[in-house]
């Protein structure tokens, strides 16, 4: 009987009494661990494939020890540039002994550290929902002063109508044309601006 199981982010094909090296686990030496992300089970007669994992299946193992893997040399070089970097690396590993493969009836293992985190996350959501309407209210209040600012701007062109356009400079005429919303005022000459504003 064998199984394909995910351990520390990697998938392994495991069988009973098999020794296995995986990425470093937090569990102490001699402790027992259970992995419930079993993707495939083969008992010799029947193959069970999960979607994505098989519910109720688990692989139980014992932590034999923690160690470091073989040294890997990482050498980088750029030719003709005088760039050479040499580094070594030893991966931290955990040695596991697979004790048994449970096909059905395994209970999911929930660590004590995960339980308070789940309780703490639930009250945070209503608090975020309460804050959201409070933020929306100032936006509405901020929108009202903008409307008040727009009304004096509409009165400004009315004053400009009373002014003598002929005495104004081209820059001043363009500013008045911009306030009125006349299209193409930037390329107009003084005579064209006077004609457009007098309409």
N, C-alpha and C. Protein backbone atom coordinates (compact mmCIF):
# COMPACT_ATOMS: atom_id res chain seq x y z
N UNK A 1 0.85 -1.19 0.00
CA UNK A 1 0.00 0.00 0.00
C UNK A 1 0.89 1.24 0.00
N UNK A 2 0.53 2.21 -0.86
CA UNK A 2 1.27 3.47 -0.88
C UNK A 2 0.29 4.63 -1.03
N UNK A 3 0.80 5.82 -0.76
CA UNK A 3 -0.02 7.03 -0.85
C UNK A 3 0.84 8.17 -1.37
N UNK A 4 0.16 9.13 -1.99
CA UNK A 4 0.83 10.37 -2.38
C UNK A 4 0.28 11.45 -1.45
N UNK A 5 1.19 12.06 -0.67
CA UNK A 5 0.80 12.97 0.39
C UNK A 5 1.63 14.26 0.30
N UNK A 6 1.02 15.36 0.74
CA UNK A 6 1.75 16.63 0.78
C UNK A 6 2.31 16.85 2.18
N UNK A 7 3.63 17.04 2.24
CA UNK A 7 4.32 17.30 3.50
C UNK A 7 5.20 18.52 3.32
N UNK A 8 4.97 19.55 4.11
CA UNK A 8 5.77 20.78 4.09
C UNK A 8 5.84 21.38 2.69
N UNK A 9 4.69 21.38 1.99
CA UNK A 9 4.62 22.03 0.69
C UNK A 9 5.11 21.19 -0.48
N UNK A 10 5.54 19.95 -0.23
CA UNK A 10 6.00 19.08 -1.31
C UNK A 10 5.21 17.77 -1.29
N UNK A 11 5.07 17.15 -2.46
CA UNK A 11 4.34 15.89 -2.56
C UNK A 11 5.32 14.72 -2.58
N UNK A 12 5.00 13.67 -1.82
CA UNK A 12 5.86 12.50 -1.72
C UNK A 12 5.02 11.24 -1.90
N UNK A 13 5.65 10.24 -2.51
CA UNK A 13 5.04 8.91 -2.58
C UNK A 13 5.60 8.13 -1.39
N UNK A 14 4.71 7.71 -0.48
CA UNK A 14 5.17 7.08 0.76
C UNK A 14 4.53 5.72 0.94
N UNK A 15 5.23 4.86 1.65
CA UNK A 15 4.73 3.53 2.02
C UNK A 15 5.09 3.30 3.48
N UNK A 16 4.51 2.26 4.10
CA UNK A 16 4.76 1.97 5.51
C UNK A 16 6.22 1.59 5.72
N UNK A 17 6.79 2.03 6.86
CA UNK A 17 8.19 1.78 7.26
C UNK A 17 9.21 2.41 6.32
N UNK A 18 8.81 3.45 5.62
CA UNK A 18 9.74 4.15 4.73
C UNK A 18 10.34 5.35 5.46
N UNK A 19 11.66 5.59 5.23
CA UNK A 19 12.31 6.78 5.78
C UNK A 19 12.27 7.86 4.72
N UNK A 20 12.09 9.09 5.20
CA UNK A 20 11.83 10.19 4.28
C UNK A 20 12.50 11.46 4.80
N UNK A 21 13.11 12.24 3.92
CA UNK A 21 13.69 13.53 4.29
C UNK A 21 12.82 14.63 3.69
N UNK A 22 12.32 15.52 4.56
CA UNK A 22 11.45 16.62 4.12
C UNK A 22 12.03 17.93 4.64
N UNK A 23 11.47 19.05 4.17
CA UNK A 23 11.88 20.35 4.71
C UNK A 23 11.65 20.37 6.21
N UNK A 24 12.44 21.17 6.91
CA UNK A 24 12.42 21.20 8.37
C UNK A 24 11.02 21.45 8.91
N UNK A 25 10.57 20.59 9.84
CA UNK A 25 9.29 20.72 10.52
C UNK A 25 9.53 21.28 11.92
N UNK A 26 8.50 21.88 12.52
CA UNK A 26 8.61 22.49 13.85
C UNK A 26 8.51 21.45 14.97
N UNK A 27 8.07 20.24 14.66
CA UNK A 27 7.85 19.22 15.69
C UNK A 27 9.18 18.72 16.27
N UNK A 28 9.14 18.32 17.53
CA UNK A 28 10.35 17.84 18.22
C UNK A 28 10.67 16.41 17.81
N UNK A 29 11.93 16.02 18.03
CA UNK A 29 12.36 14.66 17.72
C UNK A 29 11.61 13.66 18.60
N UNK A 30 11.17 12.58 18.00
CA UNK A 30 10.43 11.55 18.73
C UNK A 30 8.92 11.76 18.74
N UNK A 31 8.45 12.94 18.32
CA UNK A 31 7.00 13.20 18.32
C UNK A 31 6.36 12.58 17.09
N UNK A 32 5.05 12.38 17.19
CA UNK A 32 4.31 11.81 16.07
C UNK A 32 3.55 12.92 15.36
N UNK A 33 3.54 12.85 14.03
CA UNK A 33 2.84 13.84 13.21
C UNK A 33 1.90 13.13 12.26
N UNK A 34 0.85 13.86 11.86
CA UNK A 34 -0.13 13.31 10.94
C UNK A 34 -0.34 14.29 9.80
N UNK A 35 -0.40 13.80 8.57
CA UNK A 35 -0.59 14.63 7.39
C UNK A 35 -1.88 14.19 6.71
N UNK A 36 -2.85 15.12 6.61
CA UNK A 36 -4.16 14.75 6.07
C UNK A 36 -4.36 15.15 4.62
N UNK A 37 -3.37 15.75 3.98
CA UNK A 37 -3.52 16.09 2.56
C UNK A 37 -3.03 14.91 1.71
N UNK A 38 -3.86 13.89 1.66
CA UNK A 38 -3.55 12.67 0.88
C UNK A 38 -4.27 12.78 -0.45
N UNK A 39 -3.51 12.78 -1.54
CA UNK A 39 -4.09 12.97 -2.87
C UNK A 39 -4.40 11.66 -3.58
N UNK A 40 -3.70 10.57 -3.22
CA UNK A 40 -3.93 9.29 -3.89
C UNK A 40 -3.62 8.16 -2.92
N UNK A 41 -4.44 7.13 -2.96
CA UNK A 41 -4.23 5.92 -2.15
C UNK A 41 -4.29 4.70 -3.05
N UNK A 42 -3.35 3.78 -2.86
CA UNK A 42 -3.37 2.51 -3.60
C UNK A 42 -3.15 1.38 -2.61
N UNK A 43 -4.17 0.52 -2.45
CA UNK A 43 -4.05 -0.59 -1.50
C UNK A 43 -3.74 -1.92 -2.21
N UNK A 44 -3.36 -1.88 -3.47
CA UNK A 44 -3.04 -3.09 -4.22
C UNK A 44 -4.20 -3.58 -5.06
N UNK A 45 -5.44 -3.29 -4.63
CA UNK A 45 -6.62 -3.70 -5.38
C UNK A 45 -7.33 -2.50 -5.99
N UNK A 46 -7.39 -1.43 -5.22
CA UNK A 46 -8.17 -0.27 -5.64
C UNK A 46 -7.34 1.00 -5.50
N UNK A 47 -7.44 1.88 -6.49
CA UNK A 47 -6.75 3.17 -6.45
C UNK A 47 -7.81 4.25 -6.21
N UNK A 48 -7.61 5.05 -5.17
CA UNK A 48 -8.53 6.14 -4.84
C UNK A 48 -7.83 7.46 -5.09
N UNK A 49 -8.49 8.30 -5.89
CA UNK A 49 -7.92 9.61 -6.21
C UNK A 49 -8.81 10.68 -5.58
N UNK A 50 -8.21 11.65 -4.92
CA UNK A 50 -8.96 12.71 -4.26
C UNK A 50 -9.23 13.87 -5.19
N UNK A 51 -10.13 14.74 -4.77
CA UNK A 51 -10.44 15.93 -5.56
C UNK A 51 -10.51 17.15 -4.66
N UNK A 52 -9.46 17.81 -4.29
CA UNK A 52 -8.06 17.45 -4.54
C UNK A 52 -7.52 16.45 -3.52
N UNK A 53 -8.06 16.42 -2.28
CA UNK A 53 -7.56 15.49 -1.27
C UNK A 53 -8.67 14.50 -0.89
N UNK A 54 -8.24 13.35 -0.38
CA UNK A 54 -9.19 12.32 0.05
C UNK A 54 -9.59 12.63 1.48
N UNK A 55 -10.90 12.82 1.71
CA UNK A 55 -11.37 13.14 3.06
C UNK A 55 -11.32 11.89 3.93
N UNK A 56 -10.83 12.06 5.15
CA UNK A 56 -10.74 10.94 6.09
C UNK A 56 -9.45 10.16 6.00
N UNK A 57 -8.64 10.40 4.99
CA UNK A 57 -7.37 9.68 4.84
C UNK A 57 -6.24 10.49 5.48
N UNK A 58 -5.24 9.78 6.00
CA UNK A 58 -4.10 10.46 6.63
C UNK A 58 -2.88 9.56 6.59
N UNK A 59 -1.73 10.19 6.71
CA UNK A 59 -0.46 9.47 6.81
C UNK A 59 0.14 9.85 8.15
N UNK A 60 0.41 8.85 9.00
CA UNK A 60 0.99 9.10 10.31
C UNK A 60 2.46 8.74 10.29
N UNK A 61 3.29 9.64 10.86
CA UNK A 61 4.74 9.44 10.83
C UNK A 61 5.35 9.84 12.16
N UNK A 62 6.60 9.42 12.37
CA UNK A 62 7.35 9.76 13.57
C UNK A 62 8.57 10.57 13.15
N UNK A 63 8.85 11.65 13.90
CA UNK A 63 10.02 12.48 13.61
C UNK A 63 11.24 11.78 14.20
N UNK A 64 12.13 11.33 13.30
CA UNK A 64 13.33 10.61 13.74
C UNK A 64 14.39 11.61 14.20
N UNK A 65 14.57 12.70 13.42
CA UNK A 65 15.59 13.69 13.80
C UNK A 65 15.62 14.86 12.83
N UNK A 66 16.35 15.90 13.26
CA UNK A 66 16.55 17.08 12.42
C UNK A 66 18.02 17.12 12.02
N UNK A 67 18.28 17.41 10.77
CA UNK A 67 19.65 17.44 10.27
C UNK A 67 19.77 18.41 9.11
N UNK A 68 20.99 18.54 8.60
CA UNK A 68 21.24 19.39 7.43
C UNK A 68 21.64 18.50 6.27
N UNK A 69 21.22 18.89 5.08
CA UNK A 69 21.53 18.13 3.88
C UNK A 69 22.97 18.37 3.42
N UNK A 70 23.34 17.75 2.30
CA UNK A 70 24.67 17.93 1.73
C UNK A 70 24.86 19.36 1.27
N UNK A 71 26.13 19.79 1.26
CA UNK A 71 26.45 21.16 0.85
C UNK A 71 26.25 21.30 -0.66
N UNK A 72 25.63 22.40 -1.04
CA UNK A 72 25.43 22.72 -2.45
C UNK A 72 26.22 24.00 -2.71
N UNK A 73 27.07 23.99 -3.73
CA UNK A 73 27.86 25.17 -4.09
C UNK A 73 27.08 25.99 -5.12
N UNK A 74 26.90 27.28 -4.83
CA UNK A 74 26.23 28.20 -5.76
C UNK A 74 27.31 29.15 -6.27
N UNK A 75 27.68 29.01 -7.54
CA UNK A 75 28.76 29.81 -8.12
C UNK A 75 28.20 30.65 -9.27
N UNK A 76 28.41 31.96 -9.19
CA UNK A 76 27.93 32.86 -10.24
C UNK A 76 29.13 33.56 -10.86
N UNK A 77 29.09 33.71 -12.18
CA UNK A 77 30.19 34.36 -12.88
C UNK A 77 29.67 35.07 -14.12
N UNK A 78 30.21 36.26 -14.38
CA UNK A 78 29.95 36.96 -15.65
C UNK A 78 31.29 37.12 -16.35
N UNK A 79 31.40 36.53 -17.50
CA UNK A 79 32.71 36.54 -18.16
C UNK A 79 33.10 37.95 -18.62
N UNK A 80 34.38 38.18 -18.56
CA UNK A 80 35.01 39.44 -18.97
C UNK A 80 34.61 40.62 -18.09
N UNK A 81 33.94 40.40 -16.98
CA UNK A 81 33.52 41.49 -16.11
C UNK A 81 34.21 41.44 -14.74
N UNK A 82 34.92 40.35 -14.45
CA UNK A 82 35.56 40.21 -13.16
C UNK A 82 34.58 39.93 -12.04
N UNK A 83 33.42 39.39 -12.39
CA UNK A 83 32.37 39.11 -11.40
C UNK A 83 32.34 37.62 -11.10
N UNK A 84 32.72 37.26 -9.88
CA UNK A 84 32.67 35.86 -9.43
C UNK A 84 32.18 35.84 -8.00
N UNK A 85 31.10 35.09 -7.74
CA UNK A 85 30.56 34.95 -6.38
C UNK A 85 30.37 33.46 -6.09
N UNK A 86 30.90 33.03 -4.95
CA UNK A 86 30.77 31.63 -4.57
C UNK A 86 30.09 31.56 -3.21
N UNK A 87 29.01 30.82 -3.13
CA UNK A 87 28.27 30.64 -1.89
C UNK A 87 27.99 29.16 -1.68
N UNK A 88 27.92 28.77 -0.43
CA UNK A 88 27.53 27.41 -0.09
C UNK A 88 26.19 27.41 0.62
N UNK A 89 25.48 26.29 0.54
CA UNK A 89 24.17 26.20 1.19
C UNK A 89 23.94 24.77 1.64
N UNK A 90 23.40 24.64 2.88
CA UNK A 90 22.98 23.33 3.39
C UNK A 90 21.55 23.45 3.84
N UNK A 91 20.67 22.69 3.22
CA UNK A 91 19.24 22.75 3.51
C UNK A 91 18.93 22.08 4.84
N UNK A 92 18.07 22.72 5.65
CA UNK A 92 17.62 22.14 6.91
C UNK A 92 16.53 21.11 6.61
N UNK A 93 16.72 19.89 7.10
CA UNK A 93 15.81 18.79 6.81
C UNK A 93 15.31 18.12 8.09
N UNK A 94 14.22 17.38 7.93
CA UNK A 94 13.68 16.56 9.01
C UNK A 94 13.54 15.14 8.47
N UNK A 95 14.01 14.17 9.24
CA UNK A 95 13.89 12.77 8.84
C UNK A 95 12.63 12.19 9.46
N UNK A 96 11.78 11.61 8.63
CA UNK A 96 10.53 11.02 9.09
C UNK A 96 10.54 9.52 8.84
N UNK A 97 9.84 8.79 9.72
CA UNK A 97 9.60 7.36 9.51
C UNK A 97 8.09 7.19 9.39
N UNK A 98 7.62 6.71 8.25
CA UNK A 98 6.18 6.51 8.02
C UNK A 98 5.73 5.29 8.82
N UNK A 99 4.79 5.52 9.75
CA UNK A 99 4.33 4.43 10.60
C UNK A 99 3.10 3.74 10.04
N UNK A 100 2.12 4.51 9.57
CA UNK A 100 0.95 3.87 8.96
C UNK A 100 0.21 4.83 8.05
N UNK A 101 -0.55 4.25 7.14
CA UNK A 101 -1.39 5.01 6.21
C UNK A 101 -2.83 4.65 6.53
N UNK A 102 -3.62 5.66 6.92
CA UNK A 102 -5.02 5.46 7.28
C UNK A 102 -5.88 5.82 6.08
N UNK A 103 -6.69 4.88 5.61
CA UNK A 103 -7.51 5.13 4.42
C UNK A 103 -8.78 5.91 4.75
N UNK A 104 -9.42 5.59 5.88
CA UNK A 104 -10.66 6.29 6.26
C UNK A 104 -10.71 6.48 7.76
N UNK A 105 -11.49 7.46 8.19
CA UNK A 105 -11.74 7.66 9.61
C UNK A 105 -10.71 8.50 10.33
N UNK A 106 -9.77 9.09 9.63
CA UNK A 106 -8.77 9.93 10.30
C UNK A 106 -9.39 11.28 10.62
N UNK A 107 -9.11 11.78 11.82
CA UNK A 107 -9.61 13.09 12.22
C UNK A 107 -8.58 14.15 11.87
N UNK A 108 -9.01 15.31 11.34
CA UNK A 108 -8.04 16.36 11.03
C UNK A 108 -7.38 16.88 12.30
N UNK A 109 -6.07 17.03 12.26
CA UNK A 109 -5.31 17.48 13.42
C UNK A 109 -5.31 19.01 13.43
N UNK A 110 -5.82 19.61 14.53
CA UNK A 110 -5.84 21.06 14.69
C UNK A 110 -4.92 21.39 15.85
N UNK A 111 -3.88 22.17 15.57
CA UNK A 111 -2.92 22.52 16.62
C UNK A 111 -3.52 23.59 17.52
N UNK A 112 -3.04 23.65 18.76
CA UNK A 112 -3.56 24.61 19.75
C UNK A 112 -3.29 26.05 19.33
N UNK A 113 -2.21 26.29 18.60
CA UNK A 113 -1.86 27.66 18.18
C UNK A 113 -2.86 28.18 17.14
N UNK A 114 -3.48 27.28 16.36
CA UNK A 114 -4.40 27.71 15.31
C UNK A 114 -5.78 28.07 15.86
N UNK A 115 -6.20 27.48 16.99
CA UNK A 115 -7.54 27.74 17.53
C UNK A 115 -7.74 29.18 17.96
N UNK A 116 -6.83 29.82 18.73
CA UNK A 116 -7.05 31.22 19.10
C UNK A 116 -7.02 32.15 17.90
N UNK A 117 -6.24 31.84 16.89
CA UNK A 117 -6.17 32.68 15.71
C UNK A 117 -7.52 32.71 15.00
N UNK A 118 -8.22 31.57 14.96
CA UNK A 118 -9.54 31.52 14.31
C UNK A 118 -10.55 32.34 15.09
N UNK A 119 -10.48 32.31 16.43
CA UNK A 119 -11.40 33.10 17.24
C UNK A 119 -11.13 34.58 17.11
N UNK A 120 -9.86 34.94 17.03
CA UNK A 120 -9.49 36.35 16.94
C UNK A 120 -9.89 36.94 15.59
N UNK A 121 -9.88 36.12 14.53
CA UNK A 121 -10.20 36.65 13.21
C UNK A 121 -11.69 36.92 13.03
N UNK A 122 -12.58 36.19 13.74
CA UNK A 122 -14.01 36.40 13.56
C UNK A 122 -14.50 37.75 14.06
N UNK A 123 -14.06 38.27 15.24
CA UNK A 123 -14.55 39.58 15.64
C UNK A 123 -14.00 40.71 14.77
N UNK A 124 -12.88 40.47 14.13
CA UNK A 124 -12.26 41.54 13.32
C UNK A 124 -13.14 41.89 12.12
N UNK A 125 -13.86 40.94 11.57
CA UNK A 125 -14.68 41.21 10.39
C UNK A 125 -15.84 42.16 10.69
N UNK A 126 -16.62 41.97 11.78
CA UNK A 126 -17.67 42.93 12.07
C UNK A 126 -17.11 44.32 12.36
N UNK A 127 -15.95 44.39 12.99
CA UNK A 127 -15.36 45.70 13.27
C UNK A 127 -15.02 46.42 11.97
N UNK A 128 -14.54 45.66 10.98
CA UNK A 128 -14.23 46.27 9.68
C UNK A 128 -15.51 46.75 9.00
N UNK A 129 -16.60 45.98 9.16
CA UNK A 129 -17.87 46.38 8.55
C UNK A 129 -18.42 47.64 9.21
N UNK A 130 -18.20 47.79 10.54
CA UNK A 130 -18.67 48.98 11.23
C UNK A 130 -17.89 50.21 10.79
N UNK A 131 -16.60 50.05 10.51
CA UNK A 131 -15.77 51.17 10.10
C UNK A 131 -16.11 51.64 8.70
N UNK A 132 -16.50 50.72 7.84
CA UNK A 132 -16.76 51.07 6.44
C UNK A 132 -17.86 52.13 6.30
N UNK A 133 -19.04 52.02 6.97
CA UNK A 133 -20.04 53.08 6.85
C UNK A 133 -19.55 54.42 7.41
N UNK A 134 -18.71 54.38 8.46
CA UNK A 134 -18.20 55.62 9.04
C UNK A 134 -17.33 56.36 8.03
N UNK A 135 -16.57 55.61 7.23
CA UNK A 135 -15.73 56.24 6.20
C UNK A 135 -16.59 56.78 5.07
N UNK A 136 -17.69 56.10 4.78
CA UNK A 136 -18.55 56.54 3.68
C UNK A 136 -19.23 57.86 4.01
N UNK A 137 -19.57 58.10 5.27
CA UNK A 137 -20.26 59.33 5.66
C UNK A 137 -19.41 60.58 5.41
N UNK A 138 -18.10 60.62 5.74
CA UNK A 138 -17.33 61.82 5.43
C UNK A 138 -17.23 62.09 3.93
N UNK A 139 -17.26 61.04 3.11
CA UNK A 139 -17.19 61.26 1.66
C UNK A 139 -18.42 62.02 1.18
N UNK A 140 -19.59 61.68 1.74
CA UNK A 140 -20.81 62.39 1.35
C UNK A 140 -20.74 63.84 1.82
N UNK A 141 -20.21 64.04 3.02
CA UNK A 141 -20.09 65.40 3.54
C UNK A 141 -19.08 66.19 2.72
N UNK A 142 -18.02 65.52 2.24
CA UNK A 142 -17.02 66.20 1.44
C UNK A 142 -17.58 66.54 0.05
N UNK A 143 -18.54 65.75 -0.43
CA UNK A 143 -19.12 66.01 -1.75
C UNK A 143 -19.97 67.28 -1.72
N UNK A 144 -20.62 67.57 -0.61
CA UNK A 144 -21.48 68.75 -0.53
C UNK A 144 -20.70 70.06 -0.67
N UNK A 145 -19.53 70.25 -0.02
CA UNK A 145 -18.79 71.49 -0.21
C UNK A 145 -18.32 71.68 -1.65
N UNK A 146 -18.05 70.59 -2.36
CA UNK A 146 -17.65 70.72 -3.76
C UNK A 146 -18.76 71.35 -4.58
N UNK A 147 -20.00 70.96 -4.30
CA UNK A 147 -21.14 71.53 -5.01
C UNK A 147 -21.25 73.03 -4.71
N UNK A 148 -20.94 73.43 -3.47
CA UNK A 148 -21.00 74.85 -3.11
C UNK A 148 -19.91 75.63 -3.83
N UNK A 149 -18.76 75.03 -4.02
CA UNK A 149 -17.66 75.70 -4.71
C UNK A 149 -17.98 75.90 -6.18
N UNK A 150 -18.74 74.98 -6.77
CA UNK A 150 -19.07 75.08 -8.19
C UNK A 150 -20.00 76.25 -8.46
N UNK A 151 -20.91 76.57 -7.55
CA UNK A 151 -21.88 77.65 -7.79
C UNK A 151 -21.22 79.03 -7.92
N UNK A 152 -20.20 79.41 -7.11
CA UNK A 152 -19.56 80.71 -7.35
C UNK A 152 -18.83 80.74 -8.69
N UNK A 153 -18.33 79.60 -9.16
CA UNK A 153 -17.63 79.57 -10.43
C UNK A 153 -18.59 79.91 -11.58
N UNK A 154 -19.86 79.51 -11.44
CA UNK A 154 -20.83 79.82 -12.49
C UNK A 154 -21.17 81.31 -12.48
N UNK A 155 -21.08 81.96 -11.34
CA UNK A 155 -21.36 83.39 -11.26
C UNK A 155 -20.24 84.23 -11.86
N UNK A 156 -19.02 83.71 -11.86
CA UNK A 156 -17.87 84.46 -12.38
C UNK A 156 -18.03 84.81 -13.85
N UNK A 157 -18.48 83.89 -14.74
CA UNK A 157 -18.68 84.28 -16.14
C UNK A 157 -19.74 85.37 -16.29
N UNK A 158 -20.72 85.38 -15.39
CA UNK A 158 -21.75 86.42 -15.48
C UNK A 158 -21.12 87.79 -15.27
N UNK A 159 -20.18 87.92 -14.36
CA UNK A 159 -19.46 89.18 -14.16
C UNK A 159 -18.61 89.50 -15.37
N UNK A 160 -18.05 88.46 -16.01
CA UNK A 160 -17.18 88.68 -17.17
C UNK A 160 -17.98 89.25 -18.34
N UNK A 161 -19.29 88.91 -18.44
CA UNK A 161 -20.11 89.46 -19.51
C UNK A 161 -20.20 90.98 -19.41
N UNK A 162 -20.27 91.47 -18.17
CA UNK A 162 -20.37 92.91 -17.96
C UNK A 162 -19.06 93.62 -18.31
N UNK A 163 -17.96 92.92 -18.20
CA UNK A 163 -16.66 93.55 -18.46
C UNK A 163 -16.49 93.84 -19.94
N UNK A 164 -15.63 94.76 -20.20
CA UNK A 164 -15.34 95.14 -21.59
C UNK A 164 -14.29 94.18 -22.13
N UNK A 165 -14.71 93.23 -23.01
CA UNK A 165 -13.80 92.22 -23.54
C UNK A 165 -12.70 92.85 -24.39
N UNK A 166 -12.96 93.93 -25.02
CA UNK A 166 -11.96 94.55 -25.90
C UNK A 166 -10.76 95.06 -25.11
N UNK A 167 -10.95 95.44 -23.86
CA UNK A 167 -9.85 95.97 -23.05
C UNK A 167 -9.00 94.84 -22.45
N UNK A 168 -9.48 93.60 -22.51
CA UNK A 168 -8.75 92.48 -21.91
C UNK A 168 -7.63 92.00 -22.82
N UNK A 169 -6.64 91.33 -22.20
CA UNK A 169 -5.56 90.72 -22.97
C UNK A 169 -6.02 89.36 -23.48
N UNK A 170 -5.22 88.75 -24.35
CA UNK A 170 -5.56 87.44 -24.92
C UNK A 170 -5.59 86.39 -23.82
N UNK A 171 -4.65 86.48 -22.88
CA UNK A 171 -4.60 85.51 -21.78
C UNK A 171 -5.86 85.60 -20.92
N UNK A 172 -6.32 86.82 -20.66
CA UNK A 172 -7.54 87.00 -19.87
C UNK A 172 -8.76 86.49 -20.62
N UNK A 173 -8.80 86.73 -21.93
CA UNK A 173 -9.92 86.24 -22.74
C UNK A 173 -9.96 84.71 -22.77
N UNK A 174 -8.77 84.11 -22.85
CA UNK A 174 -8.72 82.64 -22.85
C UNK A 174 -9.20 82.08 -21.51
N UNK A 175 -8.87 82.79 -20.42
CA UNK A 175 -9.33 82.34 -19.10
C UNK A 175 -10.84 82.40 -19.01
N UNK A 176 -11.45 83.47 -19.54
CA UNK A 176 -12.91 83.60 -19.53
C UNK A 176 -13.54 82.53 -20.42
N UNK A 177 -12.91 82.28 -21.59
CA UNK A 177 -13.42 81.25 -22.51
C UNK A 177 -13.36 79.86 -21.86
N UNK A 178 -12.30 79.63 -21.09
CA UNK A 178 -12.17 78.35 -20.39
C UNK A 178 -13.28 78.18 -19.37
N UNK A 179 -13.61 79.24 -18.61
CA UNK A 179 -14.68 79.18 -17.62
C UNK A 179 -16.04 78.93 -18.27
N UNK A 180 -16.23 79.52 -19.47
CA UNK A 180 -17.51 79.33 -20.17
C UNK A 180 -17.61 77.95 -20.82
N UNK A 181 -16.45 77.29 -21.01
CA UNK A 181 -16.47 75.96 -21.62
C UNK A 181 -16.46 76.01 -23.13
N UNK A 182 -15.87 77.05 -23.72
CA UNK A 182 -15.78 77.16 -25.18
C UNK A 182 -14.69 76.23 -25.68
N UNK A 183 -15.01 75.40 -26.66
CA UNK A 183 -14.06 74.43 -27.19
C UNK A 183 -13.09 75.12 -28.14
N UNK A 184 -11.83 74.72 -28.08
CA UNK A 184 -10.81 75.22 -28.99
C UNK A 184 -10.33 76.62 -28.70
N UNK A 185 -10.51 77.10 -27.48
CA UNK A 185 -10.12 78.48 -27.13
C UNK A 185 -8.60 78.67 -27.14
N UNK A 186 -7.84 77.61 -26.98
CA UNK A 186 -6.38 77.74 -26.89
C UNK A 186 -5.75 78.16 -28.21
N UNK A 187 -6.36 77.81 -29.33
CA UNK A 187 -5.77 78.14 -30.64
C UNK A 187 -6.42 79.37 -31.28
N UNK A 188 -7.35 80.03 -30.61
CA UNK A 188 -8.05 81.19 -31.17
C UNK A 188 -7.22 82.47 -31.00
N UNK A 189 -7.42 83.38 -31.94
CA UNK A 189 -6.81 84.70 -31.84
C UNK A 189 -7.78 85.62 -31.11
N UNK A 190 -7.34 86.88 -30.85
CA UNK A 190 -8.14 87.79 -30.03
C UNK A 190 -9.50 88.06 -30.66
N UNK A 191 -9.54 88.28 -31.99
CA UNK A 191 -10.79 88.57 -32.67
C UNK A 191 -11.77 87.39 -32.57
N UNK A 192 -11.23 86.16 -32.73
CA UNK A 192 -12.07 84.96 -32.65
C UNK A 192 -12.59 84.76 -31.22
N UNK A 193 -11.75 85.06 -30.23
CA UNK A 193 -12.18 84.96 -28.84
C UNK A 193 -13.29 85.96 -28.52
N UNK A 194 -13.14 87.20 -29.04
CA UNK A 194 -14.19 88.22 -28.81
C UNK A 194 -15.51 87.79 -29.42
N UNK A 195 -15.44 87.22 -30.63
CA UNK A 195 -16.66 86.77 -31.30
C UNK A 195 -17.31 85.61 -30.55
N UNK A 196 -16.49 84.69 -30.05
CA UNK A 196 -17.03 83.53 -29.33
C UNK A 196 -17.64 83.95 -27.99
N UNK A 197 -17.02 84.91 -27.32
CA UNK A 197 -17.52 85.34 -26.00
C UNK A 197 -18.76 86.23 -26.10
N UNK A 198 -18.89 86.93 -27.19
CA UNK A 198 -20.06 87.84 -27.34
C UNK A 198 -21.32 87.08 -27.68
N UNK A 199 -21.23 85.82 -28.05
CA UNK A 199 -22.43 85.04 -28.41
C UNK A 199 -23.26 84.74 -27.19
